[in-house]
N, C-alpha and C. Protein backbone atom coordinates (compact mmCIF):
# COMPACT_ATOMS: atom_id res chain seq x y z
N MET A 1 0.40 -1.30 0.50
CA MET A 1 -0.02 0.26 0.27
C MET A 1 0.92 1.32 -0.24
N GLY A 2 2.05 1.33 0.80
CA GLY A 2 3.12 2.23 0.75
C GLY A 2 3.46 2.98 -0.61
N PRO A 3 3.41 1.99 -1.64
CA PRO A 3 4.21 2.93 -2.89
C PRO A 3 2.97 3.18 -3.45
N ALA A 4 1.88 2.69 -3.72
CA ALA A 4 0.49 3.26 -4.10
C ALA A 4 0.24 4.80 -3.18
N LEU A 5 0.37 4.82 -2.20
CA LEU A 5 -0.21 5.93 -1.51
C LEU A 5 1.18 7.26 -1.65
N ILE A 6 2.37 6.79 -2.04
CA ILE A 6 3.61 7.65 -2.29
C ILE A 6 3.47 8.44 -3.99
N GLY A 7 3.17 6.95 -4.70
CA GLY A 7 2.73 7.95 -5.82
C GLY A 7 1.52 8.61 -5.95
N ALA A 8 0.54 8.11 -5.36
CA ALA A 8 -0.89 8.85 -5.35
C ALA A 8 -0.47 10.58 -4.93
N ILE A 9 0.21 10.81 -3.15
CA ILE A 9 0.05 12.35 -3.19
C ILE A 9 1.61 13.27 -3.58
N ALA A 10 2.20 12.01 -4.26
CA ALA A 10 3.74 12.55 -4.95
C ALA A 10 3.21 13.47 -6.13
N LEU A 11 2.62 12.32 -6.89
CA LEU A 11 2.12 13.02 -7.97
C LEU A 11 0.99 13.83 -8.51
N SER A 12 -0.05 14.13 -7.31
CA SER A 12 -0.87 15.08 -7.01
C SER A 12 -0.07 16.16 -6.39
N ARG A 13 0.63 16.31 -5.45
CA ARG A 13 1.17 17.31 -4.93
C ARG A 13 2.26 18.03 -6.83
N ALA A 14 2.80 17.13 -7.43
CA ALA A 14 3.69 17.58 -8.05
C ALA A 14 2.91 18.45 -9.01
N GLY A 15 1.77 17.76 -9.39
CA GLY A 15 1.18 18.51 -10.80
C GLY A 15 0.87 19.55 -10.07
N SER A 16 0.46 19.93 -9.13
CA SER A 16 -0.29 21.49 -8.74
C SER A 16 0.98 22.15 -8.56
N LEU A 17 1.59 21.86 -8.21
CA LEU A 17 3.16 22.68 -7.90
C LEU A 17 4.04 23.13 -9.63
N PHE A 18 3.75 22.03 -10.09
CA PHE A 18 3.77 22.05 -12.16
C PHE A 18 3.23 23.18 -12.50
N ASP A 19 1.68 22.92 -12.14
CA ASP A 19 1.27 24.03 -13.27
C ASP A 19 1.03 25.39 -12.90
N SER A 20 1.59 25.53 -11.28
CA SER A 20 1.25 26.43 -10.51
C SER A 20 3.15 27.57 -11.08
N ALA A 21 4.09 26.70 -11.41
CA ALA A 21 5.45 27.07 -11.54
C ALA A 21 5.19 27.31 -13.47
N VAL A 22 4.51 26.42 -14.21
CA VAL A 22 4.36 26.98 -15.40
C VAL A 22 3.50 28.05 -16.12
N SER A 23 2.40 28.30 -15.12
CA SER A 23 1.94 29.52 -15.46
C SER A 23 1.99 30.67 -15.02
N ALA A 24 3.15 30.72 -13.84
CA ALA A 24 3.89 31.92 -13.51
C ALA A 24 5.26 32.22 -14.64
N ASP A 25 5.34 31.56 -15.23
CA ASP A 25 6.70 31.70 -15.65
C ASP A 25 6.04 32.39 -17.44
N PRO A 26 6.69 33.30 -17.66
CA PRO A 26 6.44 34.54 -18.80
C PRO A 26 7.04 33.81 -19.91
N SER A 27 8.26 32.85 -19.81
CA SER A 27 9.66 32.22 -21.26
C SER A 27 9.05 31.51 -21.40
N LEU A 28 7.66 30.68 -21.05
CA LEU A 28 7.13 29.56 -22.02
C LEU A 28 6.11 29.93 -22.96
N GLY A 29 5.55 30.99 -23.21
CA GLY A 29 4.78 31.57 -23.95
C GLY A 29 3.83 30.43 -24.11
N ALA A 30 3.52 29.96 -25.72
CA ALA A 30 2.93 29.62 -25.86
C ALA A 30 2.80 27.88 -25.54
N ILE A 31 3.58 27.09 -25.44
CA ILE A 31 3.49 26.07 -24.74
C ILE A 31 3.30 25.46 -23.27
N LYS A 32 2.37 26.37 -22.77
CA LYS A 32 2.12 26.52 -21.07
C LYS A 32 0.86 25.60 -21.05
N GLN A 33 -0.01 25.82 -22.22
CA GLN A 33 -1.36 24.72 -21.91
C GLN A 33 -0.51 22.92 -21.97
N ALA A 34 0.21 23.26 -23.31
CA ALA A 34 0.56 21.88 -23.35
C ALA A 34 1.26 21.29 -22.22
N ALA A 35 2.30 22.21 -21.95
CA ALA A 35 3.39 21.46 -20.91
C ALA A 35 2.03 21.52 -19.41
N GLU A 36 1.20 21.97 -19.11
CA GLU A 36 0.67 21.31 -17.69
C GLU A 36 -0.68 20.70 -18.46
N GLY A 37 -1.02 20.75 -19.16
CA GLY A 37 -1.50 19.49 -19.40
C GLY A 37 -1.04 18.06 -20.05
N ALA A 38 -0.26 18.16 -20.18
CA ALA A 38 0.92 16.64 -20.12
C ALA A 38 1.28 16.58 -19.02
N GLY A 39 1.73 17.83 -17.81
CA GLY A 39 1.85 17.09 -16.22
C GLY A 39 3.59 16.58 -16.30
N PRO A 40 3.98 17.01 -15.13
CA PRO A 40 5.66 16.82 -14.84
C PRO A 40 6.23 15.46 -15.06
N VAL A 41 5.98 14.75 -15.30
CA VAL A 41 6.09 13.38 -15.25
C VAL A 41 6.23 13.18 -16.73
N VAL A 42 5.59 13.88 -18.00
CA VAL A 42 5.88 13.44 -19.19
C VAL A 42 6.56 14.54 -19.74
N VAL A 43 6.69 16.18 -18.97
CA VAL A 43 7.61 16.63 -19.26
C VAL A 43 8.97 16.39 -18.79
N ASN A 44 9.30 15.73 -17.90
CA ASN A 44 10.53 15.78 -17.29
C ASN A 44 11.21 14.42 -17.90
N SER A 45 10.34 13.69 -19.16
CA SER A 45 10.85 12.33 -19.81
C SER A 45 11.02 12.96 -20.92
N VAL A 46 10.84 13.77 -21.56
CA VAL A 46 10.54 14.91 -23.07
C VAL A 46 11.81 15.07 -23.45
N PRO A 47 13.27 15.12 -24.28
CA PRO A 47 14.61 15.36 -24.58
C PRO A 47 14.32 16.54 -24.48
N PRO A 48 15.67 17.54 -23.94
CA PRO A 48 15.26 19.17 -23.70
C PRO A 48 15.02 19.98 -25.02
N ALA A 49 15.27 19.14 -26.08
CA ALA A 49 15.49 19.66 -27.50
C ALA A 49 14.23 19.82 -28.36
N GLU A 50 12.86 19.45 -27.89
CA GLU A 50 11.51 19.33 -27.79
C GLU A 50 11.33 20.78 -27.39
N ALA A 51 10.37 21.56 -27.49
CA ALA A 51 9.36 22.62 -28.04
C ALA A 51 9.08 22.66 -25.70
N ILE A 52 8.81 21.70 -25.19
CA ILE A 52 7.59 21.38 -24.21
C ILE A 52 8.77 20.72 -23.34
N GLY A 53 10.14 20.66 -24.08
CA GLY A 53 11.12 19.77 -22.97
C GLY A 53 11.67 21.61 -22.17
N LYS A 54 11.37 22.68 -22.57
CA LYS A 54 12.19 23.63 -21.52
C LYS A 54 10.91 24.31 -20.55
N ALA A 55 10.12 23.10 -20.41
CA ALA A 55 9.47 23.57 -19.15
C ALA A 55 10.11 22.27 -18.36
N ALA A 56 10.75 21.52 -18.76
CA ALA A 56 11.83 20.79 -17.58
C ALA A 56 12.29 21.02 -16.65
N SER A 57 12.81 22.31 -16.60
CA SER A 57 13.58 22.99 -15.34
C SER A 57 12.39 23.42 -14.46
N HIS A 58 11.12 23.30 -14.17
CA HIS A 58 10.01 23.45 -13.01
C HIS A 58 8.96 21.92 -13.05
N ALA A 59 9.34 20.77 -13.44
CA ALA A 59 9.31 19.42 -13.32
C ALA A 59 9.82 18.97 -11.98
N VAL A 60 11.28 18.80 -12.83
CA VAL A 60 12.10 18.03 -11.60
C VAL A 60 12.01 18.86 -10.20
N PRO A 61 12.42 20.41 -9.90
CA PRO A 61 11.49 20.93 -8.38
C PRO A 61 10.30 20.26 -7.72
N ALA A 62 9.41 20.06 -9.15
CA ALA A 62 7.69 19.99 -8.41
C ALA A 62 8.13 18.40 -8.12
N LEU A 63 8.87 17.41 -8.94
CA LEU A 63 8.77 16.03 -8.75
C LEU A 63 9.05 16.05 -7.09
N GLY A 64 10.23 16.63 -7.12
CA GLY A 64 11.48 16.22 -5.91
C GLY A 64 10.15 16.77 -4.41
N SER A 65 9.52 17.92 -4.53
CA SER A 65 8.79 18.50 -3.63
C SER A 65 7.64 17.21 -3.51
N GLY A 66 6.91 16.77 -4.30
CA GLY A 66 5.50 15.75 -4.08
C GLY A 66 6.64 14.32 -3.54
N TYR A 67 7.57 13.62 -4.12
CA TYR A 67 7.92 12.76 -3.49
C TYR A 67 8.43 12.67 -1.84
N SER A 68 9.04 14.12 -1.90
CA SER A 68 9.44 14.36 -0.43
C SER A 68 8.04 13.85 0.35
N LEU A 69 7.33 14.59 -0.01
CA LEU A 69 5.97 14.60 1.14
C LEU A 69 4.80 13.26 1.31
N GLY A 70 5.05 12.56 -0.13
CA GLY A 70 4.95 11.55 -0.14
C GLY A 70 5.33 10.77 1.00
N PHE A 71 6.87 10.64 0.47
CA PHE A 71 7.64 9.88 1.71
C PHE A 71 7.58 10.16 2.60
N LEU A 72 7.56 11.34 3.15
CA LEU A 72 7.31 11.93 4.60
C LEU A 72 5.94 11.26 5.53
N ILE A 73 4.09 11.44 4.49
CA ILE A 73 3.30 11.27 5.02
C ILE A 73 3.49 9.44 5.23
N VAL A 74 3.95 8.62 4.56
CA VAL A 74 4.02 7.22 4.52
C VAL A 74 5.34 6.98 5.65
N ALA A 75 6.41 7.63 6.31
CA ALA A 75 7.23 7.33 7.11
C ALA A 75 6.43 7.51 8.43
N VAL A 76 5.93 8.60 9.05
CA VAL A 76 4.43 9.24 9.95
C VAL A 76 3.28 8.29 9.74
N ALA A 77 3.26 7.69 8.87
CA ALA A 77 1.96 6.30 9.12
C ALA A 77 2.73 5.12 9.43
N ALA A 78 3.63 4.78 9.21
CA ALA A 78 4.10 3.72 9.56
C ALA A 78 4.35 3.87 10.99
N LEU A 79 5.36 4.92 11.59
CA LEU A 79 5.87 5.07 12.65
C LEU A 79 4.25 4.70 13.66
N ALA A 80 3.37 5.44 13.56
CA ALA A 80 2.21 5.30 14.09
C ALA A 80 2.30 3.65 13.96
N CYS A 81 1.86 3.40 12.96
CA CYS A 81 1.57 1.69 12.66
C CYS A 81 2.56 1.16 13.89
N ALA A 82 3.67 1.16 14.36
CA ALA A 82 4.63 0.74 15.21
C ALA A 82 4.36 1.27 16.47
N VAL A 83 3.67 2.49 16.49
CA VAL A 83 3.55 2.66 18.05
C VAL A 83 2.00 1.95 18.48
N VAL A 84 1.34 1.67 17.53
CA VAL A 84 0.07 1.11 17.99
C VAL A 84 0.56 -0.18 18.04
N THR A 85 1.07 -0.99 17.13
CA THR A 85 1.47 -2.05 17.02
C THR A 85 1.99 -2.85 18.73
N ALA A 86 2.98 -1.87 19.17
CA ALA A 86 4.04 -2.15 20.11
C ALA A 86 2.92 -1.50 21.21
N GLY A 87 1.86 -1.04 21.38
CA GLY A 87 0.89 -0.63 22.37
C GLY A 87 -0.09 -1.96 22.61
N PHE A 88 -0.44 -2.64 21.64
CA PHE A 88 -1.45 -3.06 21.92
C PHE A 88 -0.37 -4.66 21.86
N LEU A 89 1.00 -5.25 21.94
CA LEU A 89 1.59 -6.00 21.70
C LEU A 89 1.56 -6.56 23.20
N GLY A 90 1.37 -6.05 24.72
CA GLY A 90 1.07 -6.01 25.45
C GLY A 90 2.23 -5.30 26.28
N GLY A 91 3.04 -5.85 26.28
CA GLY A 91 4.00 -4.49 27.14
C GLY A 91 5.39 -5.77 28.23
N ARG A 92 5.58 -5.10 29.00
CA ARG A 92 6.08 -5.34 30.20
C ARG A 92 5.07 -6.05 31.07
N GLN A 93 3.97 -6.38 31.20
CA GLN A 93 3.13 -6.83 32.59
C GLN A 93 3.34 -8.66 31.55
N GLU A 94 3.20 -8.74 30.03
CA GLU A 94 3.07 -10.21 29.67
C GLU A 94 4.53 -10.62 29.91
N GLN A 95 5.82 -9.79 29.73
CA GLN A 95 6.80 -10.23 29.54
C GLN A 95 7.32 -10.68 31.25
N GLU A 96 7.01 -10.45 32.05
CA GLU A 96 7.22 -10.29 33.52
C GLU A 96 6.22 -11.50 34.20
N GLU A 97 5.01 -11.71 33.42
CA GLU A 97 4.19 -13.56 33.27
C GLU A 97 4.76 -14.22 32.96
N GLU A 98 5.77 -14.14 31.90
CA GLU A 98 6.07 -15.57 31.21
C GLU A 98 7.80 -15.68 32.00
N ILE A 99 7.98 -15.19 32.01
CA ILE A 99 9.60 -15.20 32.94
C ILE A 99 9.16 -15.56 34.20
N ALA A 100 8.05 -15.36 34.92
CA ALA A 100 7.47 -15.76 36.48
C ALA A 100 7.26 -17.21 36.00
N MET A 101 6.36 -17.63 34.44
CA MET A 101 6.04 -19.34 34.47
C MET A 101 7.15 -19.96 34.18
N VAL A 102 8.37 -19.03 33.24
CA VAL A 102 9.66 -20.12 33.18
C VAL A 102 10.13 -20.36 34.25
N GLU A 103 10.80 -19.96 35.49
CA GLU A 103 10.93 -19.80 36.30
C GLU A 103 10.28 -20.81 37.19
N GLN A 104 9.29 -20.59 36.85
CA GLN A 104 8.25 -22.31 38.19
C GLN A 104 8.43 -23.44 37.31
N ARG A 105 8.47 -23.41 36.52
CA ARG A 105 8.67 -24.57 35.44
C ARG A 105 10.22 -24.73 35.89
N LYS A 106 11.29 -24.74 35.78
CA LYS A 106 12.66 -24.72 36.19
C LYS A 106 12.62 -24.66 37.41
N ALA A 107 11.75 -24.14 38.73
CA ALA A 107 11.95 -24.45 39.88
C ALA A 107 11.42 -25.86 39.92
N ALA A 108 10.12 -26.33 39.31
CA ALA A 108 9.82 -28.12 39.04
C ALA A 108 10.63 -28.79 39.30
N VAL A 109 11.74 -28.81 37.91
CA VAL A 109 12.01 -29.86 37.57
C VAL A 109 13.22 -29.91 38.55
């Protein structure tokens, strides 16, 4: 589930960051609509010689920011799951009961 969640968060965030960066860049002119429609992944994979490749300078930071946010959210979710799991597994009281039971068996033998 982690990779799907990371991808969804990253591409959603990257798309919105990319669109706003392309809209604000006056040097792109006529290719703004094409770049916004294609998205950051497509623009990043186009050779720089192509006209739409000029928008790649906006695609890389948008993708980086999106994936950073995706990994951060999944890391926090994993940490929360670890804390909940550790809490439900019992803890010290169960360990002490098991140790006492083992010691009683050793004493009986």
